[in-house]
Structures are given as structure tokens and as C-alpha cells.
PDB file of N, CA and C in Angstrom:
ATOM      1  N   MET A   1     141.051 137.006 111.537  1.00  0.00           N
ATOM      2  CA  MET A   1     141.151 138.011 111.034  1.00  0.00           C
ATOM      3  C   MET A   1     140.339 137.910 109.053  1.00  0.00           C
ATOM      4  N   ASN A   2     139.397 138.403 108.587  1.00  0.00           N
ATOM      5  CA  ASN A   2     137.869 138.196 107.836  1.00  0.00           C
ATOM      6  C   ASN A   2     138.929 139.147 106.878  1.00  0.00           C
ATOM      7  N   ILE A   3     137.573 139.485 105.706  1.00  0.00           N
ATOM      8  CA  ILE A   3     138.691 140.202 104.393  1.00  0.00           C
ATOM      9  C   ILE A   3     138.382 141.886 104.947  1.00  0.00           C
ATOM     10  N   LEU A   4     138.133 142.452 105.632  1.00  0.00           N
ATOM     11  CA  LEU A   4     138.001 143.723 106.080  1.00  0.00           C
ATOM     12  C   LEU A   4     138.945 143.778 107.123  1.00  0.00           C
ATOM     13  N   ASP A   5     139.921 143.273 107.795  1.00  0.00           N
ATOM     14  CA  ASP A   5     141.230 142.608 108.613  1.00  0.00           C
ATOM     15  C   ASP A   5     142.184 143.252 107.634  1.00  0.00           C
ATOM     16  N   ARG A   6     142.495 141.746 106.000  1.00  0.00           N
ATOM     17  CA  ARG A   6     143.122 141.905 105.293  1.00  0.00           C
ATOM     18  C   ARG A   6     143.330 143.221 104.315  1.00  0.00           C
ATOM     19  N   ILE A   7     142.377 143.657 103.833  1.00  0.00           N
ATOM     20  CA  ILE A   7     142.088 145.292 103.580  1.00  0.00           C
ATOM     21  C   ILE A   7     143.309 145.835 104.024  1.00  0.00           C
ATOM     22  N   ARG A   8     142.779 146.173 105.554  1.00  0.00           N
ATOM     23  CA  ARG A   8     143.726 147.006 105.881  1.00  0.00           C
ATOM     24  C   ARG A   8     145.654 146.316 106.200  1.00  0.00           C
ATOM     25  N   GLN A   9     145.333 144.965 105.881  1.00  0.00           N
ATOM     26  CA  GLN A   9     147.076 144.322 105.882  1.00  0.00           C
ATOM     27  C   GLN A   9     146.940 145.143 104.736  1.00  0.00           C
ATOM     28  N   ILE A  10     146.797 145.105 103.152  1.00  0.00           N
ATOM     29  CA  ILE A  10     147.267 145.038 102.140  1.00  0.00           C
ATOM     30  C   ILE A  10     148.059 146.962 101.936  1.00  0.00           C
ATOM     31  N   ARG A  11     146.193 148.196 102.533  1.00  0.00           N
ATOM     32  CA  ARG A  11     147.026 149.341 103.644  1.00  0.00           C
ATOM     33  C   ARG A  11     148.453 149.792 103.661  1.00  0.00           C
ATOM     34  N   LYS A  12     148.192 148.823 104.766  1.00  0.00           N
ATOM     35  CA  LYS A  12     150.338 149.043 105.600  1.00  0.00           C
ATOM     36  C   LYS A  12     150.890 148.446 105.140  1.00  0.00           C
ATOM     37  N   ALA A  13     151.007 146.591 104.234  1.00  0.00           N
ATOM     38  CA  ALA A  13     152.082 146.877 103.457  1.00  0.00           C
ATOM     39  C   ALA A  13     151.923 147.192 102.751  1.00  0.00           C
ATOM     40  N   LEU A  14     151.303 148.704 101.827  1.00  0.00           N
ATOM     41  CA  LEU A  14     151.759 149.057 100.760  1.00  0.00           C
ATOM     42  C   LEU A  14     152.051 150.320 101.583  1.00  0.00           C
ATOM     43  N   ARG A  15     152.165 150.624 102.237  1.00  0.00           N
ATOM     44  CA  ARG A  15     152.161 151.842 103.175  1.00  0.00           C
ATOM     45  C   ARG A  15     151.511 152.867 102.820  1.00  0.00           C
ATOM     46  N   LEU A  16     149.848 152.760 102.254  1.00  0.00           N
ATOM     47  CA  LEU A  16     148.966 153.952 101.869  1.00  0.00           C
ATOM     48  C   LEU A  16     148.189 154.064 103.156  1.00  0.00           C
ATOM     49  N   LYS A  17     147.812 155.275 103.352  1.00  0.00           N
ATOM     50  CA  LYS A  17     146.806 156.028 103.450  1.00  0.00           C
ATOM     51  C   LYS A  17     145.247 155.371 103.271  1.00  0.00           C
ATOM     52  N   GLN A  18     144.232 155.603 103.743  1.00  0.00           N
ATOM     53  CA  GLN A  18     142.822 155.431 103.568  1.00  0.00           C
ATOM     54  C   GLN A  18     142.040 155.923 102.010  1.00  0.00           C
ATOM     55  N   GLY A  19     142.448 157.427 102.520  1.00  0.00           N
ATOM     56  CA  GLY A  19     142.457 158.365 100.554  1.00  0.00           C
ATOM     57  C   GLY A  19     142.946 157.976  99.340  1.00  0.00           C
ATOM     58  N   GLU A  20     144.002 157.317  99.626  1.00  0.00           N
ATOM     59  CA  GLU A  20     144.815 157.131  98.390  1.00  0.00           C
ATOM     60  C   GLU A  20     144.622 155.966  97.792  1.00  0.00           C
ATOM     61  N   PHE A  21     144.726 154.329  99.115  1.00  0.00           N
ATOM     62  CA  PHE A  21     144.347 153.511  98.503  1.00  0.00           C
ATOM     63  C   PHE A  21     142.865 153.551  97.638  1.00  0.00           C
ATOM     64  N   ALA A  22     142.039 154.558  98.809  1.00  0.00           N
ATOM     65  CA  ALA A  22     140.908 154.162  98.197  1.00  0.00           C
ATOM     66  C   ALA A  22     140.458 154.691  96.369  1.00  0.00           C
ATOM     67  N   SER A  23     141.532 156.228  95.747  1.00  0.00           N
ATOM     68  CA  SER A  23     141.655 156.677  95.142  1.00  0.00           C
ATOM     69  C   SER A  23     141.893 156.072  93.916  1.00  0.00           C
ATOM     70  N   ARG A  24     142.954 154.955  94.287  1.00  0.00           N
ATOM     71  CA  ARG A  24     143.414 153.908  93.127  1.00  0.00           C
ATOM     72  C   ARG A  24     142.765 153.033  92.841  1.00  0.00           C
ATOM     73  N   ILE A  25     141.328 152.717  93.169  1.00  0.00           N
ATOM     74  CA  ILE A  25     139.956 151.384  93.191  1.00  0.00           C
ATOM     75  C   ILE A  25     138.940 152.620  92.518  1.00  0.00           C
ATOM     76  N   GLY A  26     139.076 154.192  92.874  1.00  0.00           N
ATOM     77  CA  GLY A  26     137.939 154.688  92.532  1.00  0.00           C
ATOM     78  C   GLY A  26     136.967 154.683  93.724  1.00  0.00           C
ATOM     79  N   ILE A  27     137.156 154.891  94.335  1.00  0.00           N
ATOM     80  CA  ILE A  27     136.140 155.027  95.625  1.00  0.00           C
ATOM     81  C   ILE A  27     136.820 156.529  96.185  1.00  0.00           C
ATOM     82  N   THR A  28     135.881 157.046  97.471  1.00  0.00           N
ATOM     83  CA  THR A  28     136.139 157.745  98.250  1.00  0.00           C
ATOM     84  C   THR A  28     136.764 157.607  99.441  1.00  0.00           C
ATOM     85  N   GLN A  29     137.664 158.667 100.512  1.00  0.00           N
ATOM     86  CA  GLN A  29     138.126 157.945 101.758  1.00  0.00           C
ATOM     87  C   GLN A  29     137.038 157.421 102.438  1.00  0.00           C
ATOM     88  N   THR A  30     136.076 157.884 102.309  1.00  0.00           N
ATOM     89  CA  THR A  30     134.638 158.260 103.152  1.00  0.00           C
ATOM     90  C   THR A  30     134.380 157.091 103.075  1.00  0.00           C
ATOM     91  N   ALA A  31     133.954 156.354 101.881  1.00  0.00           N
ATOM     92  CA  ALA A  31     133.459 155.137 101.239  1.00  0.00           C
ATOM     93  C   ALA A  31     134.438 154.065 101.479  1.00  0.00           C
ATOM     94  N   LEU A  32     135.234 154.017 101.443  1.00  0.00           N
ATOM     95  CA  LEU A  32     136.793 152.995 101.817  1.00  0.00           C
ATOM     96  C   LEU A  32     136.632 152.862 103.689  1.00  0.00           C
ATOM     97  N   SER A  33     136.006 154.066 104.069  1.00  0.00           N
ATOM     98  CA  SER A  33     136.093 153.739 105.856  1.00  0.00           C
ATOM     99  C   SER A  33     135.367 153.168 105.997  1.00  0.00           C
ATOM    100  N   MET A  34     133.877 153.052 105.732  1.00  0.00           N
ATOM    101  CA  MET A  34     132.970 153.232 106.211  1.00  0.00           C
ATOM    102  C   MET A  34     132.652 151.242 105.370  1.00  0.00           C
ATOM    103  N   ILE A  35     133.343 151.403 104.512  1.00  0.00           N
ATOM    104  CA  ILE A  35     133.145 150.054 104.078  1.00  0.00           C
ATOM    105  C   ILE A  35     134.444 149.289 105.308  1.00  0.00           C
ATOM    106  N   GLU A  36     135.495 149.450 105.656  1.00  0.00           N
ATOM    107  CA  GLU A  36     136.475 149.188 106.665  1.00  0.00           C
ATOM    108  C   GLU A  36     135.591 149.033 107.955  1.00  0.00           C
ATOM    109  N   LEU A  37     134.712 149.973 108.393  1.00  0.00           N
ATOM    110  CA  LEU A  37     134.135 150.293 109.890  1.00  0.00           C
ATOM    111  C   LEU A  37     132.775 149.438 109.605  1.00  0.00           C
ATOM    112  N   GLU A  38     132.207 148.556 108.194  1.00  0.00           N
ATOM    113  CA  GLU A  38     131.578 147.387 108.228  1.00  0.00           C
ATOM    114  C   GLU A  38     129.865 148.201 108.120  1.00  0.00           C
ATOM    115  N   LYS A  39     130.092 149.500 108.043  1.00  0.00           N
ATOM    116  CA  LYS A  39     128.599 150.037 107.616  1.00  0.00           C
ATOM    117  C   LYS A  39     128.467 149.944 106.427  1.00  0.00           C
ATOM    118  N   VAL A  40     128.913 150.315 105.148  1.00  0.00           N
ATOM    119  CA  VAL A  40     128.917 149.316 104.170  1.00  0.00           C
ATOM    120  C   VAL A  40     129.461 148.245 103.407  1.00  0.00           C
ATOM    121  N   ALA A  41     128.621 147.563 102.980  1.00  0.00           N
ATOM    122  CA  ALA A  41     129.123 146.422 102.391  1.00  0.00           C
ATOM    123  C   ALA A  41     130.128 146.313 101.030  1.00  0.00           C
ATOM    124  N   LEU A  42     131.319 145.635 101.129  1.00  0.00           N
ATOM    125  CA  LEU A  42     131.891 145.499 100.308  1.00  0.00           C
ATOM    126  C   LEU A  42     131.749 145.422  99.168  1.00  0.00           C
ATOM    127  N   THR A  43     131.707 145.323  97.519  1.00  0.00           N
ATOM    128  CA  THR A  43     131.094 144.769  96.973  1.00  0.00           C
ATOM    129  C   THR A  43     131.753 144.168  96.233  1.00  0.00           C
ATOM    130  N   GLU A  44     131.479 143.132  95.018  1.00  0.00           N
ATOM    131  CA  GLU A  44     132.296 142.414  94.028  1.00  0.00           C
ATOM    132  C   GLU A  44     133.290 142.742  93.603  1.00  0.00           C
ATOM    133  N   LYS A  45     132.573 144.344  92.527  1.00  0.00           N
ATOM    134  CA  LYS A  45     133.693 145.039  92.257  1.00  0.00           C
ATOM    135  C   LYS A  45     134.768 145.753  93.010  1.00  0.00           C
ATOM    136  N   ASN A  46     134.798 146.131  94.255  1.00  0.00           N
ATOM    137  CA  ASN A  46     135.424 146.631  94.832  1.00  0.00           C
ATOM    138  C   ASN A  46     136.554 145.493  94.613  1.00  0.00           C
ATOM    139  N   VAL A  47     136.108 144.266  95.297  1.00  0.00           N
ATOM    140  CA  VAL A  47     137.429 143.150  95.607  1.00  0.00           C
ATOM    141  C   VAL A  47     138.036 142.834  94.240  1.00  0.00           C
ATOM    142  N   LYS A  48     136.911 142.998  92.840  1.00  0.00           N
ATOM    143  CA  LYS A  48     137.968 143.339  92.311  1.00  0.00           C
ATOM    144  C   LYS A  48     138.889 143.900  91.380  1.00  0.00           C
ATOM    145  N   LEU A  49     138.404 145.342  92.247  1.00  0.00           N
ATOM    146  CA  LEU A  49     139.401 146.571  91.778  1.00  0.00           C
ATOM    147  C   LEU A  49     140.895 145.666  92.691  1.00  0.00           C
ATOM    148  N   ILE A  50     140.251 145.911  93.739  1.00  0.00           N
ATOM    149  CA  ILE A  50     141.427 145.868  94.987  1.00  0.00           C
ATOM    150  C   ILE A  50     142.749 144.776  94.241  1.00  0.00           C
ATOM    151  N   CYS A  51     142.406 143.740  93.769  1.00  0.00           N
ATOM    152  CA  CYS A  51     142.719 142.902  92.968  1.00  0.00           C
ATOM    153  C   CYS A  51     143.894 143.103  92.327  1.00  0.00           C
ATOM    154  N   ALA A  52     142.902 143.493  91.116  1.00  0.00           N
ATOM    155  CA  ALA A  52     143.539 144.308  89.709  1.00  0.00           C
ATOM    156  C   ALA A  52     144.131 145.811  90.031  1.00  0.00           C
ATOM    157  N   THR A  53     144.325 146.520  90.830  1.00  0.00           N
ATOM    158  CA  THR A  53     145.050 147.670  91.145  1.00  0.00           C
ATOM    159  C   THR A  53     146.195 147.313  91.706  1.00  0.00           C
ATOM    160  N   PHE A  54     146.168 146.331  92.991  1.00  0.00           N
ATOM    161  CA  PHE A  54     147.805 146.199  93.649  1.00  0.00           C
ATOM    162  C   PHE A  54     147.839 144.715  93.700  1.00  0.00           C
ATOM    163  N   ALA A  55     148.000 143.777  92.561  1.00  0.00           N
ATOM    164  CA  ALA A  55     148.646 142.860  92.139  1.00  0.00           C
ATOM    165  C   ALA A  55     148.000 141.887  93.175  1.00  0.00           C
ATOM    166  N   VAL A  56     146.985 142.072  94.205  1.00  0.00           N
ATOM    167  CA  VAL A  56     146.821 140.552  95.346  1.00  0.00           C
ATOM    168  C   VAL A  56     145.951 139.772  94.742  1.00  0.00           C
ATOM    169  N   ASP A  57     146.289 138.270  95.143  1.00  0.00           N
ATOM    170  CA  ASP A  57     146.108 137.250  94.915  1.00  0.00           C
ATOM    171  C   ASP A  57     144.215 137.191  95.871  1.00  0.00           C
ATOM    172  N   GLU A  58     143.476 136.810  94.754  1.00  0.00           N
ATOM    173  CA  GLU A  58     142.109 137.117  95.832  1.00  0.00           C
ATOM    174  C   GLU A  58     141.570 135.809  96.644  1.00  0.00           C
ATOM    175  N   THR A  59     142.496 135.007  95.921  1.00  0.00           N
ATOM    176  CA  THR A  59     141.850 134.206  97.489  1.00  0.00           C
ATOM    177  C   THR A  59     142.000 134.367  98.580  1.00  0.00           C
ATOM    178  N   TRP A  60     143.502 134.646  98.316  1.00  0.00           N
ATOM    179  CA  TRP A  60     144.420 135.242  99.633  1.00  0.00           C
ATOM    180  C   TRP A  60     142.929 136.523 100.184  1.00  0.00           C
ATOM    181  N   LEU A  61     142.656 137.383  99.723  1.00  0.00           N
ATOM    182  CA  LEU A  61     141.962 138.005 100.409  1.00  0.00           C
ATOM    183  C   LEU A  61     140.279 137.511 100.736  1.00  0.00           C
ATOM    184  N   ARG A  62     140.336 136.848  99.983  1.00  0.00           N
ATOM    185  CA  ARG A  62     138.458 136.555 100.608  1.00  0.00           C
ATOM    186  C   ARG A  62     139.052 134.992 101.581  1.00  0.00           C
ATOM    187  N   THR A  63     139.997 134.486 101.935  1.00  0.00           N
ATOM    188  CA  THR A  63     139.955 132.945 102.420  1.00  0.00           C
ATOM    189  C   THR A  63     141.752 133.547 103.335  1.00  0.00           C
ATOM    190  N   GLY A  64     142.172 133.939 103.337  1.00  0.00           N
ATOM    191  CA  GLY A  64     143.358 134.072 103.890  1.00  0.00           C
ATOM    192  C   GLY A  64     144.252 133.321 103.735  1.00  0.00           C
ATOM    193  N   LYS A  65     144.142 132.535 102.334  1.00  0.00           N
ATOM    194  CA  LYS A  65     144.585 131.351 101.887  1.00  0.00           C
ATOM    195  C   LYS A  65     145.811 131.466 101.222  1.00  0.00           C
ATOM    196  N   GLY A  66     147.319 130.866 101.576  1.00  0.00           N
ATOM    197  CA  GLY A  66     148.362 131.456 100.081  1.00  0.00           C
ATOM    198  C   GLY A  66     148.982 132.963 100.896  1.00  0.00           C
ATOM    199  N   GLU A  67     149.635 133.695  99.287  1.00  0.00           N
ATOM    200  CA  GLU A  67     150.134 134.837  99.403  1.00  0.00           C
ATOM    201  C   GLU A  67     149.783 135.777  98.568  1.00  0.00           C
ATOM    202  N   MET A  68     149.957 136.535  99.935  1.00  0.00           N
ATOM    203  CA  MET A  68     149.374 138.286  99.214  1.00  0.00           C
ATOM    204  C   MET A  68     149.018 138.813  98.260  1.00  0.00           C
ATOM    205  N   PHE A  69     150.218 138.596  97.784  1.00  0.00           N
ATOM    206  CA  PHE A  69     150.678 139.565  96.332  1.00  0.00           C
ATOM    207  C   PHE A  69     150.559 138.534  95.529  1.00  0.00           C
ATOM    208  N   ILE A  70     150.907 138.782  94.154  1.00  0.00           N
ATOM    209  CA  ILE A  70     150.780 137.899  93.466  1.00  0.00           C
ATOM    210  C   ILE A  70     151.873 138.366  93.065  1.00  0.00           C
ATOM    211  N   SER A  71     152.976 137.594  92.632  1.00  0.00           N
ATOM    212  CA  SER A  71     154.482 137.953  91.682  1.00  0.00           C
ATOM    213  C   SER A  71     154.163 138.112  90.170  1.00  0.00           C
ATOM    214  N   MET A  72     154.278 139.394  89.569  1.00  0.00           N
ATOM    215  CA  MET A  72     154.462 139.484  88.112  1.00  0.00           C
ATOM    216  C   MET A  72     155.589 139.981  88.110  1.00  0.00           C
ATOM    217  N   SER A  73     155.790 140.566  86.872  1.00  0.00           N
ATOM    218  CA  SER A  73     157.015 141.145  85.426  1.00  0.00           C
ATOM    219  C   SER A  73     156.795 143.000  86.268  1.00  0.00           C
ATOM    220  N   PRO A  74     158.059 143.213  85.870  1.00  0.00           N
ATOM    221  CA  PRO A  74     158.085 144.568  86.290  1.00  0.00           C
ATOM    222  C   PRO A  74     157.032 145.610  84.671  1.00  0.00           C
ATOM    223  N   TYR A  75     156.775 144.786  83.830  1.00  0.00           N
ATOM    224  CA  TYR A  75     155.759 145.136  82.726  1.00  0.00           C
ATOM    225  C   TYR A  75     154.132 145.399  83.302  1.00  0.00           C
ATOM    226  N   GLU A  76     153.855 143.339  84.667  1.00  0.00           N
ATOM    227  CA  GLU A  76     152.717 143.370  84.341  1.00  0.00           C
ATOM    228  C   GLU A  76     152.326 144.561  85.249  1.00  0.00           C
ATOM    229  N   LYS A  77     153.009 144.492  86.218  1.00  0.00           N
ATOM    230  CA  LYS A  77     152.954 146.023  87.701  1.00  0.00           C
ATOM    231  C   LYS A  77     152.825 147.119  87.296  1.00  0.00           C
ATOM    232  N   GLU A  78     153.483 147.620  86.046  1.00  0.00           N
ATOM    233  CA  GLU A  78     152.842 148.534  85.688  1.00  0.00           C
ATOM    234  C   GLU A  78     151.373 148.526  85.029  1.00  0.00           C
ATOM    235  N   LEU A  79     151.950 148.149  84.045  1.00  0.00           N
ATOM    236  CA  LEU A  79     149.688 147.873  83.596  1.00  0.00           C
ATOM    237  C   LEU A  79     148.619 148.306  84.552  1.00  0.00           C
ATOM    238  N   LEU A  80     149.042 147.505  85.477  1.00  0.00           N
ATOM    239  CA  LEU A  80     148.331 147.431  86.034  1.00  0.00           C
ATOM    240  C   LEU A  80     147.889 148.823  86.897  1.00  0.00           C
ATOM    241  N   GLU A  81     149.498 149.565  87.275  1.00  0.00           N
ATOM    242  CA  GLU A  81     149.202 150.461  88.606  1.00  0.00           C
ATOM    243  C   GLU A  81     148.324 151.322  87.134  1.00  0.00           C
ATOM    244  N   VAL A  82     148.760 152.049  86.359  1.00  0.00           N
ATOM    245  CA  VAL A  82     148.438 152.827  84.950  1.00  0.00           C
ATOM    246  C   VAL A  82     146.623 152.373  84.458  1.00  0.00           C
ATOM    247  N   PHE A  83     146.911 151.197  85.135  1.00  0.00           N
ATOM    248  CA  PHE A  83     145.440 150.639  84.060  1.00  0.00           C
ATOM    249  C   PHE A  83     144.374 151.268  85.052  1.00  0.00           C
ATOM    250  N   GLY A  84     144.622 150.686  86.634  1.00  0.00           N
ATOM    251  CA  GLY A  84     144.064 151.368  87.793  1.00  0.00           C
ATOM    252  C   GLY A  84     143.597 153.183  87.695  1.00  0.00           C
ATOM    253  N   LYS A  85     144.056 153.645  87.053  1.00  0.00           N
ATOM    254  CA  LYS A  85     144.256 155.002  87.484  1.00  0.00           C
ATOM    255  C   LYS A  85     143.210 155.784  86.177  1.00  0.00           C
ATOM    256  N   LEU A  86     142.504 154.745  85.283  1.00  0.00           N
ATOM    257  CA  LEU A  86     142.107 155.618  84.536  1.00  0.00           C
ATOM    258  C   LEU A  86     141.002 155.702  84.397  1.00  0.00           C
ATOM    259  N   THR A  87     139.375 156.173  83.432  1.00  0.00           N
ATOM    260  CA  THR A  87     138.096 155.740  83.710  1.00  0.00           C
ATOM    261  C   THR A  87     137.938 154.713  83.983  1.00  0.00           C
ATOM    262  N   ALA A  88     136.443 154.043  84.318  1.00  0.00           N
ATOM    263  CA  ALA A  88     136.781 152.923  84.070  1.00  0.00           C
ATOM    264  C   ALA A  88     135.235 152.772  82.233  1.00  0.00           C
ATOM    265  N   ASP A  89     135.601 153.787  81.043  1.00  0.00           N
ATOM    266  CA  ASP A  89     135.473 153.749  79.993  1.00  0.00           C
ATOM    267  C   ASP A  89     136.458 153.391  79.322  1.00  0.00           C
ATOM    268  N   THR A  90     137.371 154.228  80.020  1.00  0.00           N
ATOM    269  CA  THR A  90     138.915 154.267  79.431  1.00  0.00           C
ATOM    270  C   THR A  90     139.612 152.634  79.722  1.00  0.00           C
ATOM    271  N   GLN A  91     138.825 151.924  80.717  1.00  0.00           N
ATOM    272  CA  GLN A  91     139.720 150.359  81.150  1.00  0.00           C
ATOM    273  C   GLN A  91     138.809 149.860  80.797  1.00  0.00           C
ATOM    274  N   GLU A  92     137.624 149.945  79.663  1.00  0.00           N
ATOM    275  CA  GLU A  92     136.946 149.329  79.078  1.00  0.00           C
ATOM    276  C   GLU A  92     137.298 149.232  78.054  1.00  0.00           C
ATOM    277  N   PHE A  93     137.910 150.014  77.282  1.00  0.00           N
ATOM    278  CA  PHE A  93     138.188 150.134  75.622  1.00  0.00           C
ATOM    279  C   PHE A  93     139.307 149.444  75.640  1.00  0.00           C
ATOM    280  N   ILE A  94     140.545 149.603  76.932  1.00  0.00           N
ATOM    281  CA  ILE A  94     141.830 148.806  77.017  1.00  0.00           C
ATOM    282  C   ILE A  94     141.129 147.780  76.956  1.00  0.00           C
ATOM    283  N   LEU A  95     140.835 146.957  77.990  1.00  0.00           N
ATOM    284  CA  LEU A  95     140.042 145.646  78.008  1.00  0.00           C
ATOM    285  C   LEU A  95     139.948 145.265  76.589  1.00  0.00           C
ATOM    286  N   ASP A  96     139.013 145.840  76.112  1.00  0.00           N
ATOM    287  CA  ASP A  96     138.176 145.116  74.178  1.00  0.00           C
ATOM    288  C   ASP A  96     139.564 145.010  73.270  1.00  0.00           C
ATOM    289  N   MET A  97     140.393 145.906  73.784  1.00  0.00           N
ATOM    290  CA  MET A  97     141.763 146.591  72.864  1.00  0.00           C
ATOM    291  C   MET A  97     142.591 144.896  72.814  1.00  0.00           C
ATOM    292  N   ALA A  98     143.430 144.664  74.559  1.00  0.00           N
ATOM    293  CA  ALA A  98     143.659 143.557  74.804  1.00  0.00           C
ATOM    294  C   ALA A  98     143.130 141.807  74.213  1.00  0.00           C
ATOM    295  N   ARG A  99     142.094 142.099  74.574  1.00  0.00           N
ATOM    296  CA  ARG A  99     141.208 140.959  74.295  1.00  0.00           C
ATOM    297  C   ARG A  99     141.152 140.499  72.221  1.00  0.00           C
ATOM    298  N   ASN A 100     140.821 141.565  71.812  1.00  0.00           N
ATOM    299  CA  ASN A 100     141.839 141.326  70.589  1.00  0.00           C
ATOM    300  C   ASN A 100     142.913 141.467  70.177  1.00  0.00           C
ATOM    301  N   LEU A 101     144.066 142.224  70.513  1.00  0.00           N
ATOM    302  CA  LEU A 101     145.198 141.355  70.585  1.00  0.00           C
ATOM    303  C   LEU A 101     145.594 140.735  71.245  1.00  0.00           C
ATOM    304  N   LEU A 102     145.519 139.877  71.806  1.00  0.00           N
ATOM    305  CA  LEU A 102     145.475 137.831  71.982  1.00  0.00           C
ATOM    306  C   LEU A 102     144.322 136.987  71.596  1.00  0.00           C
ATOM    307  N   LYS A 103     143.937 137.760  70.472  1.00  0.00           N
ATOM    308  CA  LYS A 103     142.661 136.582  69.413  1.00  0.00           C
ATOM    309  C   LYS A 103     143.908 137.061  68.069  1.00  0.00           C
ATOM    310  N   ARG A 104     144.481 138.099  68.216  1.00  0.00           N
ATOM    311  CA  ARG A 104     145.638 137.401  66.624  1.00  0.00           C
ATOM    312  C   ARG A 104     146.769 136.989  67.021  1.00  0.00           C
ATOM    313  N   GLN A 105     146.849 137.219  68.177  1.00  0.00           N
ATOM    314  CA  GLN A 105     148.680 136.187  68.670  1.00  0.00           C
ATOM    315  C   GLN A 105     148.419 135.144  68.905  1.00  0.00           C
ATOM    316  N   ARG A 106     147.133 134.722  68.905  1.00  0.00           N
ATOM    317  CA  ARG A 106     146.836 133.472  68.699  1.00  0.00           C
ATOM    318  C   ARG A 106     146.333 132.754  67.482  1.00  0.00           C
ATOM    319  N   LYS A 107     146.440 133.524  66.440  1.00  0.00           N
ATOM    320  CA  LYS A 107     146.179 133.102  64.888  1.00  0.00           C
ATOM    321  C   LYS A 107     147.419 133.047  64.447  1.00  0.00           C
TER     322      LYS A 107
END
């Protein structure tokens, strides 16, 4: 099983059609279809988005080793779900804010 098979496996586990899965990671259904058919290369950015959006363990996605999903609290799950629906600019803003909050928390 390769990484593209594992992406299909994630979609099936989440019971998402290509269009909904693609939309949540910010690409079109056509783009996802082309990736799954190996007509377009899977980008590093898309790997990261899949993992962040759906709480997928990146090692599992790349190698098949370990568990498919990362165990998270309900707060983490909700945050990732909402974050995945934001525009790239808004995601960058939120990430900067989170980093600043973390710095303050450490003081």
C-alpha cells in the first residue's frame, strides 16, 4: 500500500467523498482525483494539510507504520476542523497569534 492508497483509506474511514475531502484541504475535487490517479504529484503542502485537517499521523500517512489517526482532545479536534476551513491568510494569522500566546505562557 502506498501513500495514495492511504489517502483513499483516510477518506473512506471518514466517510468523505472526494469533493468534501478536497474542499477541506483547500483543493478541488478534480485536483484530488488527479492526485489519487497519480496524474499529478502529491505535494508536501497537501501531505501537511491532510495530517493537520484530519488529525492523521504523518508517519502513518508516509509509511503505513503506526496508527492512522492521532489521539486528540475534543478541543484539539474542533480547533483543527475550524482551522482547516479558514483561508490561508487567516490560518497564518491564527498561527502567529498561537505562537505569541505560547511565548507568553512560557514566561
